[in-house]
């Protein structure tokens, strides 16, 4: 390994330990993430819960788990629980869009001002 290669490797390692200055573009990315994160967290959480609810209903209908837990006729409760899970899954996307839209309205002025400032420079 020659001297230039060594200097390159040393410089590469040094850059990992130096603090980066926060730029306006980094601030814009953080604002964008701040807008989207709550909607995404809600959508993933609510979607997972709705899938579990639907799965519980399907398990009651399709297996003998209802008899194991003491439900004599698990068909009707299983269908009701499964349909409830499906409805939750169906309304997940409209709720996500509403949360995202309200967050965009809340932060639109800041994001537009910062993006205009970056584009002018």
PDB file of N, CA and C in Angstrom:
ATOM      1  N   UNK A   1       0.853  -1.163   0.000  1.00  0.00           N
ATOM      2  CA  UNK A   1       0.000   0.000   0.000  1.00  0.00           C
ATOM      3  C   UNK A   1       0.904   1.232   0.000  1.00  0.00           C
ATOM      4  N   UNK A   2       0.674   2.116  -0.966  1.00  0.00           N
ATOM      5  CA  UNK A   2       1.528   3.292  -1.039  1.00  0.00           C
ATOM      6  C   UNK A   2       0.980   4.417  -0.147  1.00  0.00           C
ATOM      7  N   UNK A   3       1.712   5.505  -0.091  1.00  0.00           N
ATOM      8  CA  UNK A   3       1.401   6.611   0.815  1.00  0.00           C
ATOM      9  C   UNK A   3       0.053   7.254   0.490  1.00  0.00           C
ATOM     10  N   UNK A   4      -0.295   7.378  -0.781  1.00  0.00           N
ATOM     11  CA  UNK A   4      -1.577   7.979  -1.165  1.00  0.00           C
ATOM     12  C   UNK A   4      -2.757   7.136  -0.689  1.00  0.00           C
ATOM     13  N   UNK A   5      -2.631   5.833  -0.817  1.00  0.00           N
ATOM     14  CA  UNK A   5      -3.695   4.950  -0.339  1.00  0.00           C
ATOM     15  C   UNK A   5      -3.862   5.070   1.179  1.00  0.00           C
ATOM     16  N   UNK A   6      -2.770   5.124   1.890  1.00  0.00           N
ATOM     17  CA  UNK A   6      -2.823   5.266   3.340  1.00  0.00           C
ATOM     18  C   UNK A   6      -3.484   6.584   3.741  1.00  0.00           C
ATOM     19  N   UNK A   7      -3.122   7.651   3.062  1.00  0.00           N
ATOM     20  CA  UNK A   7      -3.718   8.960   3.372  1.00  0.00           C
ATOM     21  C   UNK A   7      -5.210   8.965   3.079  1.00  0.00           C
ATOM     22  N   UNK A   8      -5.606   8.297   2.001  1.00  0.00           N
ATOM     23  CA  UNK A   8      -7.025   8.217   1.674  1.00  0.00           C
ATOM     24  C   UNK A   8      -7.798   7.477   2.754  1.00  0.00           C
ATOM     25  N   UNK A   9      -7.258   6.360   3.201  1.00  0.00           N
ATOM     26  CA  UNK A   9      -7.912   5.574   4.243  1.00  0.00           C
ATOM     27  C   UNK A   9      -7.980   6.354   5.549  1.00  0.00           C
ATOM     28  N   UNK A  10      -6.889   7.024   5.891  1.00  0.00           N
ATOM     29  CA  UNK A  10      -6.861   7.831   7.114  1.00  0.00           C
ATOM     30  C   UNK A  10      -7.907   8.942   7.041  1.00  0.00           C
ATOM     31  N   UNK A  11      -7.983   9.609   5.906  1.00  0.00           N
ATOM     32  CA  UNK A  11      -8.947  10.700   5.730  1.00  0.00           C
ATOM     33  C   UNK A  11     -10.389  10.176   5.811  1.00  0.00           C
ATOM     34  N   UNK A  12     -10.608   9.022   5.238  1.00  0.00           N
ATOM     35  CA  UNK A  12     -11.934   8.416   5.278  1.00  0.00           C
ATOM     36  C   UNK A  12     -12.350   8.099   6.712  1.00  0.00           C
ATOM     37  N   UNK A  13     -11.432   7.572   7.494  1.00  0.00           N
ATOM     38  CA  UNK A  13     -11.717   7.266   8.892  1.00  0.00           C
ATOM     39  C   UNK A  13     -11.912   8.545   9.697  1.00  0.00           C
ATOM     40  N   UNK A  14     -11.108   9.550   9.429  1.00  0.00           N
ATOM     41  CA  UNK A  14     -11.230  10.823  10.163  1.00  0.00           C
ATOM     42  C   UNK A  14     -12.589  11.475   9.942  1.00  0.00           C
ATOM     43  N   UNK A  15     -13.119  11.373   8.735  1.00  0.00           N
ATOM     44  CA  UNK A  15     -14.404  12.018   8.457  1.00  0.00           C
ATOM     45  C   UNK A  15     -15.542  11.382   9.246  1.00  0.00           C
ATOM     46  N   UNK A  16     -15.383  10.133   9.645  1.00  0.00           N
ATOM     47  CA  UNK A  16     -16.403   9.467  10.446  1.00  0.00           C
ATOM     48  C   UNK A  16     -16.466  10.032  11.858  1.00  0.00           C
ATOM     49  N   UNK A  17     -15.375  10.651  12.321  1.00  0.00           N
ATOM     50  CA  UNK A  17     -15.308  11.136  13.694  1.00  0.00           C
ATOM     51  C   UNK A  17     -15.402  12.647  13.807  1.00  0.00           C
ATOM     52  N   UNK A  18     -15.536  13.330  12.719  1.00  0.00           N
ATOM     53  CA  UNK A  18     -15.710  14.778  12.780  1.00  0.00           C
ATOM     54  C   UNK A  18     -17.194  15.106  12.737  1.00  0.00           C
ATOM     55  N   UNK A  19     -17.563  16.182  13.424  1.00  0.00           N
ATOM     56  CA  UNK A  19     -18.966  16.598  13.441  1.00  0.00           C
ATOM     57  C   UNK A  19     -19.305  17.285  12.127  1.00  0.00           C
ATOM     58  N   UNK A  20     -20.465  16.899  11.618  1.00  0.00           N
ATOM     59  CA  UNK A  20     -20.942  17.545  10.405  1.00  0.00           C
ATOM     60  C   UNK A  20     -21.743  18.769  10.792  1.00  0.00           C
ATOM     61  N   UNK A  21     -21.625  19.805   9.998  1.00  0.00           N
ATOM     62  CA  UNK A  21     -22.453  20.981  10.205  1.00  0.00           C
ATOM     63  C   UNK A  21     -23.850  20.692   9.681  1.00  0.00           C
ATOM     64  N   UNK A  22     -24.815  21.109  10.437  1.00  0.00           N
ATOM     65  CA  UNK A  22     -26.195  20.938   9.995  1.00  0.00           C
ATOM     66  C   UNK A  22     -26.487  21.980   8.919  1.00  0.00           C
ATOM     67  N   UNK A  23     -26.901  21.510   7.778  1.00  0.00           N
ATOM     68  CA  UNK A  23     -27.208  22.422   6.685  1.00  0.00           C
ATOM     69  C   UNK A  23     -28.715  22.650   6.616  1.00  0.00           C
ATOM     70  N   UNK A  24     -29.087  23.594   5.787  1.00  0.00           N
ATOM     71  CA  UNK A  24     -30.511  23.876   5.617  1.00  0.00           C
ATOM     72  C   UNK A  24     -31.224  22.702   4.956  1.00  0.00           C
ATOM     73  N   UNK A  25     -30.522  21.975   4.112  1.00  0.00           N
ATOM     74  CA  UNK A  25     -31.113  20.799   3.482  1.00  0.00           C
ATOM     75  C   UNK A  25     -31.400  19.717   4.527  1.00  0.00           C
ATOM     76  N   UNK A  26     -30.495  19.564   5.490  1.00  0.00           N
ATOM     77  CA  UNK A  26     -30.740  18.614   6.586  1.00  0.00           C
ATOM     78  C   UNK A  26     -31.964  19.031   7.397  1.00  0.00           C
ATOM     79  N   UNK A  27     -32.087  20.332   7.634  1.00  0.00           N
ATOM     80  CA  UNK A  27     -33.244  20.845   8.366  1.00  0.00           C
ATOM     81  C   UNK A  27     -34.537  20.591   7.592  1.00  0.00           C
ATOM     82  N   UNK A  28     -34.485  20.746   6.266  1.00  0.00           N
ATOM     83  CA  UNK A  28     -35.654  20.486   5.432  1.00  0.00           C
ATOM     84  C   UNK A  28     -36.035  19.008   5.477  1.00  0.00           C
ATOM     85  N   UNK A  29     -35.052  18.130   5.434  1.00  0.00           N
ATOM     86  CA  UNK A  29     -35.320  16.685   5.535  1.00  0.00           C
ATOM     87  C   UNK A  29     -35.942  16.333   6.891  1.00  0.00           C
ATOM     88  N   UNK A  30     -35.439  16.958   7.959  1.00  0.00           N
ATOM     89  CA  UNK A  30     -35.990  16.701   9.287  1.00  0.00           C
ATOM     90  C   UNK A  30     -37.436  17.178   9.383  1.00  0.00           C
ATOM     91  N   UNK A  31     -37.727  18.332   8.807  1.00  0.00           N
ATOM     92  CA  UNK A  31     -39.100  18.830   8.808  1.00  0.00           C
ATOM     93  C   UNK A  31     -40.020  17.889   8.034  1.00  0.00           C
ATOM     94  N   UNK A  32     -39.542  17.412   6.892  1.00  0.00           N
ATOM     95  CA  UNK A  32     -40.338  16.487   6.090  1.00  0.00           C
ATOM     96  C   UNK A  32     -40.617  15.199   6.871  1.00  0.00           C
ATOM     97  N   UNK A  33     -39.614  14.697   7.560  1.00  0.00           N
ATOM     98  CA  UNK A  33     -39.799  13.493   8.378  1.00  0.00           C
ATOM     99  C   UNK A  33     -40.751  13.771   9.532  1.00  0.00           C
ATOM    100  N   UNK A  34     -40.668  14.968  10.097  1.00  0.00           N
ATOM    101  CA  UNK A  34     -41.548  15.353  11.201  1.00  0.00           C
ATOM    102  C   UNK A  34     -43.000  15.397  10.752  1.00  0.00           C
ATOM    103  N   UNK A  35     -43.224  15.733   9.502  1.00  0.00           N
ATOM    104  CA  UNK A  35     -44.575  15.764   8.955  1.00  0.00           C
ATOM    105  C   UNK A  35     -45.094  14.339   8.752  1.00  0.00           C
ATOM    106  N   UNK A  36     -44.285  13.466   8.203  1.00  0.00           N
ATOM    107  CA  UNK A  36     -44.733  12.134   7.798  1.00  0.00           C
ATOM    108  C   UNK A  36     -44.718  11.093   8.913  1.00  0.00           C
ATOM    109  N   UNK A  37     -43.846  11.251   9.897  1.00  0.00           N
ATOM    110  CA  UNK A  37     -43.666  10.211  10.912  1.00  0.00           C
ATOM    111  C   UNK A  37     -44.940   9.871  11.685  1.00  0.00           C
ATOM    112  N   UNK A  38     -45.692  10.832  12.219  1.00  0.00           N
ATOM    113  CA  UNK A  38     -46.898  10.454  12.980  1.00  0.00           C
ATOM    114  C   UNK A  38     -47.923   9.684  12.144  1.00  0.00           C
ATOM    115  N   UNK A  39     -48.106  10.085  10.890  1.00  0.00           N
ATOM    116  CA  UNK A  39     -49.048   9.375  10.030  1.00  0.00           C
ATOM    117  C   UNK A  39     -48.569   7.953   9.755  1.00  0.00           C
ATOM    118  N   UNK A  40     -47.291   7.787   9.519  1.00  0.00           N
ATOM    119  CA  UNK A  40     -46.750   6.449   9.266  1.00  0.00           C
ATOM    120  C   UNK A  40     -46.845   5.559  10.501  1.00  0.00           C
ATOM    121  N   UNK A  41     -46.516   6.094  11.662  1.00  0.00           N
ATOM    122  CA  UNK A  41     -46.594   5.312  12.896  1.00  0.00           C
ATOM    123  C   UNK A  41     -48.036   4.867  13.134  1.00  0.00           C
ATOM    124  N   UNK A  42     -48.980   5.792  12.955  1.00  0.00           N
ATOM    125  CA  UNK A  42     -50.380   5.424  13.129  1.00  0.00           C
ATOM    126  C   UNK A  42     -50.781   4.325  12.149  1.00  0.00           C
ATOM    127  N   UNK A  43     -50.445   4.510  10.872  1.00  0.00           N
ATOM    128  CA  UNK A  43     -50.876   3.557   9.843  1.00  0.00           C
ATOM    129  C   UNK A  43     -50.314   2.159  10.108  1.00  0.00           C
ATOM    130  N   UNK A  44     -49.035   2.074  10.450  1.00  0.00           N
ATOM    131  CA  UNK A  44     -48.444   0.764  10.715  1.00  0.00           C
ATOM    132  C   UNK A  44     -49.048   0.122  11.964  1.00  0.00           C
ATOM    133  N   UNK A  45     -49.234   0.902  13.008  1.00  0.00           N
ATOM    134  CA  UNK A  45     -49.778   0.364  14.256  1.00  0.00           C
ATOM    135  C   UNK A  45     -51.228  -0.068  14.082  1.00  0.00           C
ATOM    136  N   UNK A  46     -52.048   0.824  13.547  1.00  0.00           N
ATOM    137  CA  UNK A  46     -53.465   0.530  13.377  1.00  0.00           C
ATOM    138  C   UNK A  46     -53.656  -0.616  12.375  1.00  0.00           C
ATOM    139  N   UNK A  47     -52.853  -0.646  11.332  1.00  0.00           N
ATOM    140  CA  UNK A  47     -52.934  -1.732  10.350  1.00  0.00           C
ATOM    141  C   UNK A  47     -52.577  -3.077  10.957  1.00  0.00           C
ATOM    142  N   UNK A  48     -51.548  -3.088  11.798  1.00  0.00           N
ATOM    143  CA  UNK A  48     -51.156  -4.339  12.457  1.00  0.00           C
ATOM    144  C   UNK A  48     -52.245  -4.821  13.409  1.00  0.00           C
ATOM    145  N   UNK A  49     -52.807  -3.886  14.154  1.00  0.00           N
ATOM    146  CA  UNK A  49     -53.884  -4.250  15.081  1.00  0.00           C
ATOM    147  C   UNK A  49     -55.099  -4.770  14.314  1.00  0.00           C
ATOM    148  N   UNK A  50     -55.447  -4.115  13.218  1.00  0.00           N
ATOM    149  CA  UNK A  50     -56.611  -4.568  12.453  1.00  0.00           C
ATOM    150  C   UNK A  50     -56.370  -5.948  11.842  1.00  0.00           C
ATOM    151  N   UNK A  51     -55.144  -6.208  11.410  1.00  0.00           N
ATOM    152  CA  UNK A  51     -54.831  -7.542  10.882  1.00  0.00           C
ATOM    153  C   UNK A  51     -54.943  -8.603  11.973  1.00  0.00           C
ATOM    154  N   UNK A  52     -54.507  -8.271  13.165  1.00  0.00           N
ATOM    155  CA  UNK A  52     -54.635  -9.214  14.275  1.00  0.00           C
ATOM    156  C   UNK A  52     -56.098  -9.473  14.634  1.00  0.00           C
ATOM    157  N   UNK A  53     -56.903  -8.415  14.656  1.00  0.00           N
ATOM    158  CA  UNK A  53     -58.323  -8.578  14.959  1.00  0.00           C
ATOM    159  C   UNK A  53     -58.986  -9.458  13.902  1.00  0.00           C
ATOM    160  N   UNK A  54     -58.697  -9.181  12.637  1.00  0.00           N
ATOM    161  CA  UNK A  54     -59.261  -9.988  11.561  1.00  0.00           C
ATOM    162  C   UNK A  54     -58.795 -11.444  11.683  1.00  0.00           C
ATOM    163  N   UNK A  55     -57.549 -11.650  12.034  1.00  0.00           N
ATOM    164  CA  UNK A  55     -57.017 -12.997  12.210  1.00  0.00           C
ATOM    165  C   UNK A  55     -57.675 -13.737  13.360  1.00  0.00           C
ATOM    166  N   UNK A  56     -57.976 -13.010  14.427  1.00  0.00           N
ATOM    167  CA  UNK A  56     -58.671 -13.633  15.559  1.00  0.00           C
ATOM    168  C   UNK A  56     -60.048 -14.107  15.114  1.00  0.00           C
ATOM    169  N   UNK A  57     -60.751 -13.255  14.367  1.00  0.00           N
ATOM    170  CA  UNK A  57     -62.068 -13.659  13.864  1.00  0.00           C
ATOM    171  C   UNK A  57     -61.984 -14.859  12.950  1.00  0.00           C
ATOM    172  N   UNK A  58     -60.997 -14.865  12.077  1.00  0.00           N
ATOM    173  CA  UNK A  58     -60.833 -16.010  11.174  1.00  0.00           C
ATOM    174  C   UNK A  58     -60.496 -17.275  11.946  1.00  0.00           C
ATOM    175  N   UNK A  59     -59.695 -17.139  12.993  1.00  0.00           N
ATOM    176  CA  UNK A  59     -59.342 -18.316  13.794  1.00  0.00           C
ATOM    177  C   UNK A  59     -60.565 -18.891  14.490  1.00  0.00           C
ATOM    178  N   UNK A  60     -61.440 -18.019  14.968  1.00  0.00           N
ATOM    179  CA  UNK A  60     -62.654 -18.515  15.609  1.00  0.00           C
ATOM    180  C   UNK A  60     -63.533 -19.275  14.629  1.00  0.00           C
ATOM    181  N   UNK A  61     -63.610 -18.784  13.393  1.00  0.00           N
ATOM    182  CA  UNK A  61     -64.465 -19.421  12.392  1.00  0.00           C
ATOM    183  C   UNK A  61     -63.853 -20.710  11.870  1.00  0.00           C
ATOM    184  N   UNK A  62     -62.556 -20.719  11.610  1.00  0.00           N
ATOM    185  CA  UNK A  62     -61.947 -21.815  10.867  1.00  0.00           C
ATOM    186  C   UNK A  62     -61.316 -22.909  11.726  1.00  0.00           C
ATOM    187  N   UNK A  63     -61.130 -22.669  12.997  1.00  0.00           N
ATOM    188  CA  UNK A  63     -60.490 -23.681  13.837  1.00  0.00           C
ATOM    189  C   UNK A  63     -61.388 -24.027  15.022  1.00  0.00           C
ATOM    190  N   UNK A  64     -60.917 -24.919  15.841  1.00  0.00           N
ATOM    191  CA  UNK A  64     -61.687 -25.291  17.026  1.00  0.00           C
ATOM    192  C   UNK A  64     -61.220 -24.531  18.262  1.00  0.00           C
ATOM    193  N   UNK A  65     -60.543 -23.411  18.065  1.00  0.00           N
ATOM    194  CA  UNK A  65     -60.042 -22.632  19.194  1.00  0.00           C
ATOM    195  C   UNK A  65     -61.184 -22.048  20.022  1.00  0.00           C
ATOM    196  N   UNK A  66     -62.347 -21.813  19.387  1.00  0.00           N
ATOM    197  CA  UNK A  66     -63.511 -21.319  20.126  1.00  0.00           C
ATOM    198  C   UNK A  66     -63.955 -22.297  21.186  1.00  0.00           C
ATOM    199  N   UNK A  67     -63.954 -23.556  20.846  1.00  0.00           N
ATOM    200  CA  UNK A  67     -64.342 -24.586  21.812  1.00  0.00           C
ATOM    201  C   UNK A  67     -63.322 -24.684  22.939  1.00  0.00           C
ATOM    202  N   UNK A  68     -62.066 -24.479  22.611  1.00  0.00           N
ATOM    203  CA  UNK A  68     -61.008 -24.553  23.620  1.00  0.00           C
ATOM    204  C   UNK A  68     -61.159 -23.429  24.641  1.00  0.00           C
ATOM    205  N   UNK A  69     -61.536 -22.234  24.174  1.00  0.00           N
ATOM    206  CA  UNK A  69     -61.667 -21.109  25.103  1.00  0.00           C
ATOM    207  C   UNK A  69     -63.064 -21.007  25.703  1.00  0.00           C
ATOM    208  N   UNK A  70     -63.968 -21.895  25.310  1.00  0.00           N
ATOM    209  CA  UNK A  70     -65.267 -21.975  25.955  1.00  0.00           C
ATOM    210  C   UNK A  70     -66.415 -21.327  25.204  1.00  0.00           C
ATOM    211  N   UNK A  71     -66.264 -21.067  23.935  1.00  0.00           N
ATOM    212  CA  UNK A  71     -67.359 -20.513  23.138  1.00  0.00           C
ATOM    213  C   UNK A  71     -68.030 -21.687  22.433  1.00  0.00           C
ATOM    214  N   UNK A  72     -69.318 -21.896  22.742  1.00  0.00           N
ATOM    215  CA  UNK A  72     -70.019 -23.058  22.190  1.00  0.00           C
ATOM    216  C   UNK A  72     -70.214 -22.934  20.685  1.00  0.00           C
ATOM    217  N   UNK A  73     -70.666 -21.802  20.199  1.00  0.00           N
ATOM    218  CA  UNK A  73     -70.887 -21.553  18.762  1.00  0.00           C
ATOM    219  C   UNK A  73     -69.997 -20.385  18.326  1.00  0.00           C
ATOM    220  N   UNK A  74     -68.765 -20.638  17.895  1.00  0.00           N
ATOM    221  CA  UNK A  74     -67.830 -19.557  17.579  1.00  0.00           C
ATOM    222  C   UNK A  74     -68.031 -18.920  16.194  1.00  0.00           C
ATOM    223  N   UNK A  75     -68.962 -19.446  15.391  1.00  0.00           N
ATOM    224  CA  UNK A  75     -69.128 -18.947  14.024  1.00  0.00           C
ATOM    225  C   UNK A  75     -69.547 -17.472  14.005  1.00  0.00           C
ATOM    226  N   UNK A  76     -70.640 -17.148  14.687  1.00  0.00           N
ATOM    227  CA  UNK A  76     -71.143 -15.770  14.644  1.00  0.00           C
ATOM    228  C   UNK A  76     -70.158 -14.766  15.259  1.00  0.00           C
ATOM    229  N   UNK A  77     -69.627 -15.014  16.472  1.00  0.00           N
ATOM    230  CA  UNK A  77     -68.642 -14.054  16.998  1.00  0.00           C
ATOM    231  C   UNK A  77     -67.396 -13.958  16.119  1.00  0.00           C
ATOM    232  N   UNK A  78     -66.994 -15.060  15.528  1.00  0.00           N
ATOM    233  CA  UNK A  78     -65.824 -15.031  14.644  1.00  0.00           C
ATOM    234  C   UNK A  78     -66.054 -14.169  13.418  1.00  0.00           C
ATOM    235  N   UNK A  79     -67.252 -14.289  12.837  1.00  0.00           N
ATOM    236  CA  UNK A  79     -67.570 -13.465  11.661  1.00  0.00           C
ATOM    237  C   UNK A  79     -67.616 -11.991  12.051  1.00  0.00           C
ATOM    238  N   UNK A  80     -68.250 -11.687  13.173  1.00  0.00           N
ATOM    239  CA  UNK A  80     -68.346 -10.291  13.629  1.00  0.00           C
ATOM    240  C   UNK A  80     -66.955  -9.715  13.888  1.00  0.00           C
ATOM    241  N   UNK A  81     -66.113 -10.447  14.583  1.00  0.00           N
ATOM    242  CA  UNK A  81     -64.753  -9.973  14.873  1.00  0.00           C
ATOM    243  C   UNK A  81     -63.937  -9.840  13.592  1.00  0.00           C
ATOM    244  N   UNK A  82     -64.059 -10.799  12.677  1.00  0.00           N
ATOM    245  CA  UNK A  82     -63.333 -10.727  11.406  1.00  0.00           C
ATOM    246  C   UNK A  82     -63.761  -9.543  10.565  1.00  0.00           C
ATOM    247  N   UNK A  83     -65.066  -9.290  10.500  1.00  0.00           N
ATOM    248  CA  UNK A  83     -65.565  -8.146   9.734  1.00  0.00           C
ATOM    249  C   UNK A  83     -65.108  -6.840  10.380  1.00  0.00           C
ATOM    250  N   UNK A  84     -65.098  -6.799  11.707  1.00  0.00           N
ATOM    251  CA  UNK A  84     -64.604  -5.597  12.396  1.00  0.00           C
ATOM    252  C   UNK A  84     -63.138  -5.341  12.033  1.00  0.00           C
ATOM    253  N   UNK A  85     -62.333  -6.392  11.989  1.00  0.00           N
ATOM    254  CA  UNK A  85     -60.930  -6.247  11.589  1.00  0.00           C
ATOM    255  C   UNK A  85     -60.799  -5.777  10.158  1.00  0.00           C
ATOM    256  N   UNK A  86     -61.658  -6.291   9.269  1.00  0.00           N
ATOM    257  CA  UNK A  86     -61.628  -5.846   7.875  1.00  0.00           C
ATOM    258  C   UNK A  86     -61.995  -4.367   7.765  1.00  0.00           C
ATOM    259  N   UNK A  87     -63.017  -3.956   8.499  1.00  0.00           N
ATOM    260  CA  UNK A  87     -63.418  -2.545   8.466  1.00  0.00           C
ATOM    261  C   UNK A  87     -62.306  -1.638   8.996  1.00  0.00           C
ATOM    262  N   UNK A  88     -61.634  -2.103  10.023  1.00  0.00           N
ATOM    263  CA  UNK A  88     -60.498  -1.337  10.534  1.00  0.00           C
ATOM    264  C   UNK A  88     -59.411  -1.200   9.468  1.00  0.00           C
ATOM    265  N   UNK A  89     -59.148  -2.279   8.750  1.00  0.00           N
ATOM    266  CA  UNK A  89     -58.131  -2.238   7.698  1.00  0.00           C
ATOM    267  C   UNK A  89     -58.559  -1.317   6.556  1.00  0.00           C
ATOM    268  N   UNK A  90     -59.845  -1.309   6.252  1.00  0.00           N
ATOM    269  CA  UNK A  90     -60.349  -0.461   5.162  1.00  0.00           C
ATOM    270  C   UNK A  90     -60.237   1.012   5.512  1.00  0.00           C
ATOM    271  N   UNK A  91     -60.536   1.374   6.765  1.00  0.00           N
ATOM    272  CA  UNK A  91     -60.502   2.802   7.119  1.00  0.00           C
ATOM    273  C   UNK A  91     -59.092   3.290   7.466  1.00  0.00           C
ATOM    274  N   UNK A  92     -58.147   2.393   7.525  1.00  0.00           N
ATOM    275  CA  UNK A  92     -56.776   2.771   7.865  1.00  0.00           C
ATOM    276  C   UNK A  92     -56.212   3.804   6.890  1.00  0.00           C
ATOM    277  N   UNK A  93     -56.341   3.579   5.600  1.00  0.00           N
ATOM    278  CA  UNK A  93     -55.754   4.492   4.612  1.00  0.00           C
ATOM    279  C   UNK A  93     -56.408   5.869   4.629  1.00  0.00           C
ATOM    280  N   UNK A  94     -57.739   5.989   4.673  1.00  0.00           N
ATOM    281  CA  UNK A  94     -58.313   7.335   4.761  1.00  0.00           C
ATOM    282  C   UNK A  94     -57.892   8.100   6.022  1.00  0.00           C
ATOM    283  N   UNK A  95     -57.767   7.400   7.136  1.00  0.00           N
ATOM    284  CA  UNK A  95     -57.303   8.071   8.353  1.00  0.00           C
ATOM    285  C   UNK A  95     -55.856   8.513   8.192  1.00  0.00           C
ATOM    286  N   UNK A  96     -55.030   7.664   7.600  1.00  0.00           N
ATOM    287  CA  UNK A  96     -53.638   8.016   7.329  1.00  0.00           C
ATOM    288  C   UNK A  96     -53.556   9.265   6.468  1.00  0.00           C
ATOM    289  N   UNK A  97     -54.347   9.307   5.394  1.00  0.00           N
ATOM    290  CA  UNK A  97     -54.331  10.462   4.503  1.00  0.00           C
ATOM    291  C   UNK A  97     -54.780  11.732   5.236  1.00  0.00           C
ATOM    292  N   UNK A  98     -55.767  11.618   6.115  1.00  0.00           N
ATOM    293  CA  UNK A  98     -56.259  12.780   6.860  1.00  0.00           C
ATOM    294  C   UNK A  98     -55.192  13.293   7.824  1.00  0.00           C
ATOM    295  N   UNK A  99     -54.520  12.391   8.517  1.00  0.00           N
ATOM    296  CA  UNK A  99     -53.446  12.804   9.431  1.00  0.00           C
ATOM    297  C   UNK A  99     -52.327  13.473   8.649  1.00  0.00           C
ATOM    298  N   UNK A 100     -51.932  12.870   7.533  1.00  0.00           N
ATOM    299  CA  UNK A 100     -50.851  13.422   6.717  1.00  0.00           C
ATOM    300  C   UNK A 100     -51.234  14.791   6.164  1.00  0.00           C
ATOM    301  N   UNK A 101     -52.461  14.935   5.716  1.00  0.00           N
ATOM    302  CA  UNK A 101     -52.929  16.210   5.173  1.00  0.00           C
ATOM    303  C   UNK A 101     -52.905  17.307   6.230  1.00  0.00           C
ATOM    304  N   UNK A 102     -53.362  16.986   7.433  1.00  0.00           N
ATOM    305  CA  UNK A 102     -53.369  18.006   8.490  1.00  0.00           C
ATOM    306  C   UNK A 102     -51.948  18.390   8.886  1.00  0.00           C
ATOM    307  N   UNK A 103     -51.034  17.416   8.915  1.00  0.00           N
ATOM    308  CA  UNK A 103     -49.639  17.735   9.234  1.00  0.00           C
ATOM    309  C   UNK A 103     -48.991  18.565   8.140  1.00  0.00           C
ATOM    310  N   UNK A 104     -49.330  18.275   6.880  1.00  0.00           N
ATOM    311  CA  UNK A 104     -48.791  19.074   5.772  1.00  0.00           C
ATOM    312  C   UNK A 104     -49.265  20.509   5.865  1.00  0.00           C
ATOM    313  N   UNK A 105     -50.529  20.703   6.200  1.00  0.00           N
ATOM    314  CA  UNK A 105     -51.051  22.065   6.351  1.00  0.00           C
ATOM    315  C   UNK A 105     -50.349  22.795   7.486  1.00  0.00           C
ATOM    316  N   UNK A 106     -50.077  22.084   8.564  1.00  0.00           N
ATOM    317  CA  UNK A 106     -49.452  22.683   9.731  1.00  0.00           C
ATOM    318  C   UNK A 106     -48.031  23.163   9.433  1.00  0.00           C
ATOM    319  N   UNK A 107     -47.277  22.386   8.671  1.00  0.00           N
ATOM    320  CA  UNK A 107     -45.869  22.690   8.430  1.00  0.00           C
ATOM    321  C   UNK A 107     -45.585  23.252   7.032  1.00  0.00           C
ATOM    322  N   UNK A 108     -46.589  23.482   6.237  1.00  0.00           N
ATOM    323  CA  UNK A 108     -46.383  23.911   4.851  1.00  0.00           C
ATOM    324  C   UNK A 108     -45.618  25.228   4.769  1.00  0.00           C
ATOM    325  N   UNK A 109     -45.967  26.196   5.608  1.00  0.00           N
ATOM    326  CA  UNK A 109     -45.303  27.499   5.544  1.00  0.00           C
ATOM    327  C   UNK A 109     -43.813  27.389   5.836  1.00  0.00           C
ATOM    328  N   UNK A 110     -43.456  26.639   6.874  1.00  0.00           N
ATOM    329  CA  UNK A 110     -42.047  26.469   7.225  1.00  0.00           C
ATOM    330  C   UNK A 110     -41.288  25.772   6.102  1.00  0.00           C
ATOM    331  N   UNK A 111     -41.868  24.713   5.570  1.00  0.00           N
ATOM    332  CA  UNK A 111     -41.191  23.930   4.536  1.00  0.00           C
ATOM    333  C   UNK A 111     -41.032  24.756   3.257  1.00  0.00           C
ATOM    334  N   UNK A 112     -42.074  25.473   2.887  1.00  0.00           N
ATOM    335  CA  UNK A 112     -41.984  26.292   1.673  1.00  0.00           C
ATOM    336  C   UNK A 112     -40.957  27.412   1.835  1.00  0.00           C
ATOM    337  N   UNK A 113     -40.940  28.069   2.990  1.00  0.00           N
ATOM    338  CA  UNK A 113     -39.969  29.142   3.226  1.00  0.00           C
ATOM    339  C   UNK A 113     -38.544  28.607   3.182  1.00  0.00           C
ATOM    340  N   UNK A 114     -38.321  27.495   3.839  1.00  0.00           N
ATOM    341  CA  UNK A 114     -36.980  26.913   3.870  1.00  0.00           C
ATOM    342  C   UNK A 114     -36.558  26.409   2.490  1.00  0.00           C
ATOM    343  N   UNK A 115     -37.470  25.789   1.758  1.00  0.00           N
ATOM    344  CA  UNK A 115     -37.116  25.299   0.427  1.00  0.00           C
ATOM    345  C   UNK A 115     -36.863  26.456  -0.538  1.00  0.00           C
ATOM    346  N   UNK A 116     -37.625  27.544  -0.414  1.00  0.00           N
ATOM    347  CA  UNK A 116     -37.359  28.730  -1.248  1.00  0.00           C
ATOM    348  C   UNK A 116     -35.995  29.309  -0.933  1.00  0.00           C
ATOM    349  N   UNK A 117     -35.651  29.360   0.347  1.00  0.00           N
ATOM    350  CA  UNK A 117     -34.345  29.887   0.763  1.00  0.00           C
ATOM    351  C   UNK A 117     -33.215  29.034   0.186  1.00  0.00           C
ATOM    352  N   UNK A 118     -33.380  27.713   0.229  1.00  0.00           N
ATOM    353  CA  UNK A 118     -32.352  26.811  -0.296  1.00  0.00           C
ATOM    354  C   UNK A 118     -32.228  26.964  -1.808  1.00  0.00           C
ATOM    355  N   UNK A 119     -33.349  27.083  -2.488  1.00  0.00           N
ATOM    356  CA  UNK A 119     -33.314  27.177  -3.952  1.00  0.00           C
ATOM    357  C   UNK A 119     -32.719  28.500  -4.431  1.00  0.00           C
ATOM    358  N   UNK A 120     -32.861  29.559  -3.653  1.00  0.00           N
ATOM    359  CA  UNK A 120     -32.274  30.856  -4.036  1.00  0.00           C
ATOM    360  C   UNK A 120     -30.769  30.862  -3.897  1.00  0.00           C
ATOM    361  N   UNK A 121     -30.240  30.077  -2.969  1.00  0.00           N
ATOM    362  CA  UNK A 121     -28.767  30.063  -2.748  1.00  0.00           C
ATOM    363  C   UNK A 121     -28.058  29.271  -3.769  1.00  0.00           C
TER     364      UNK A 121
END
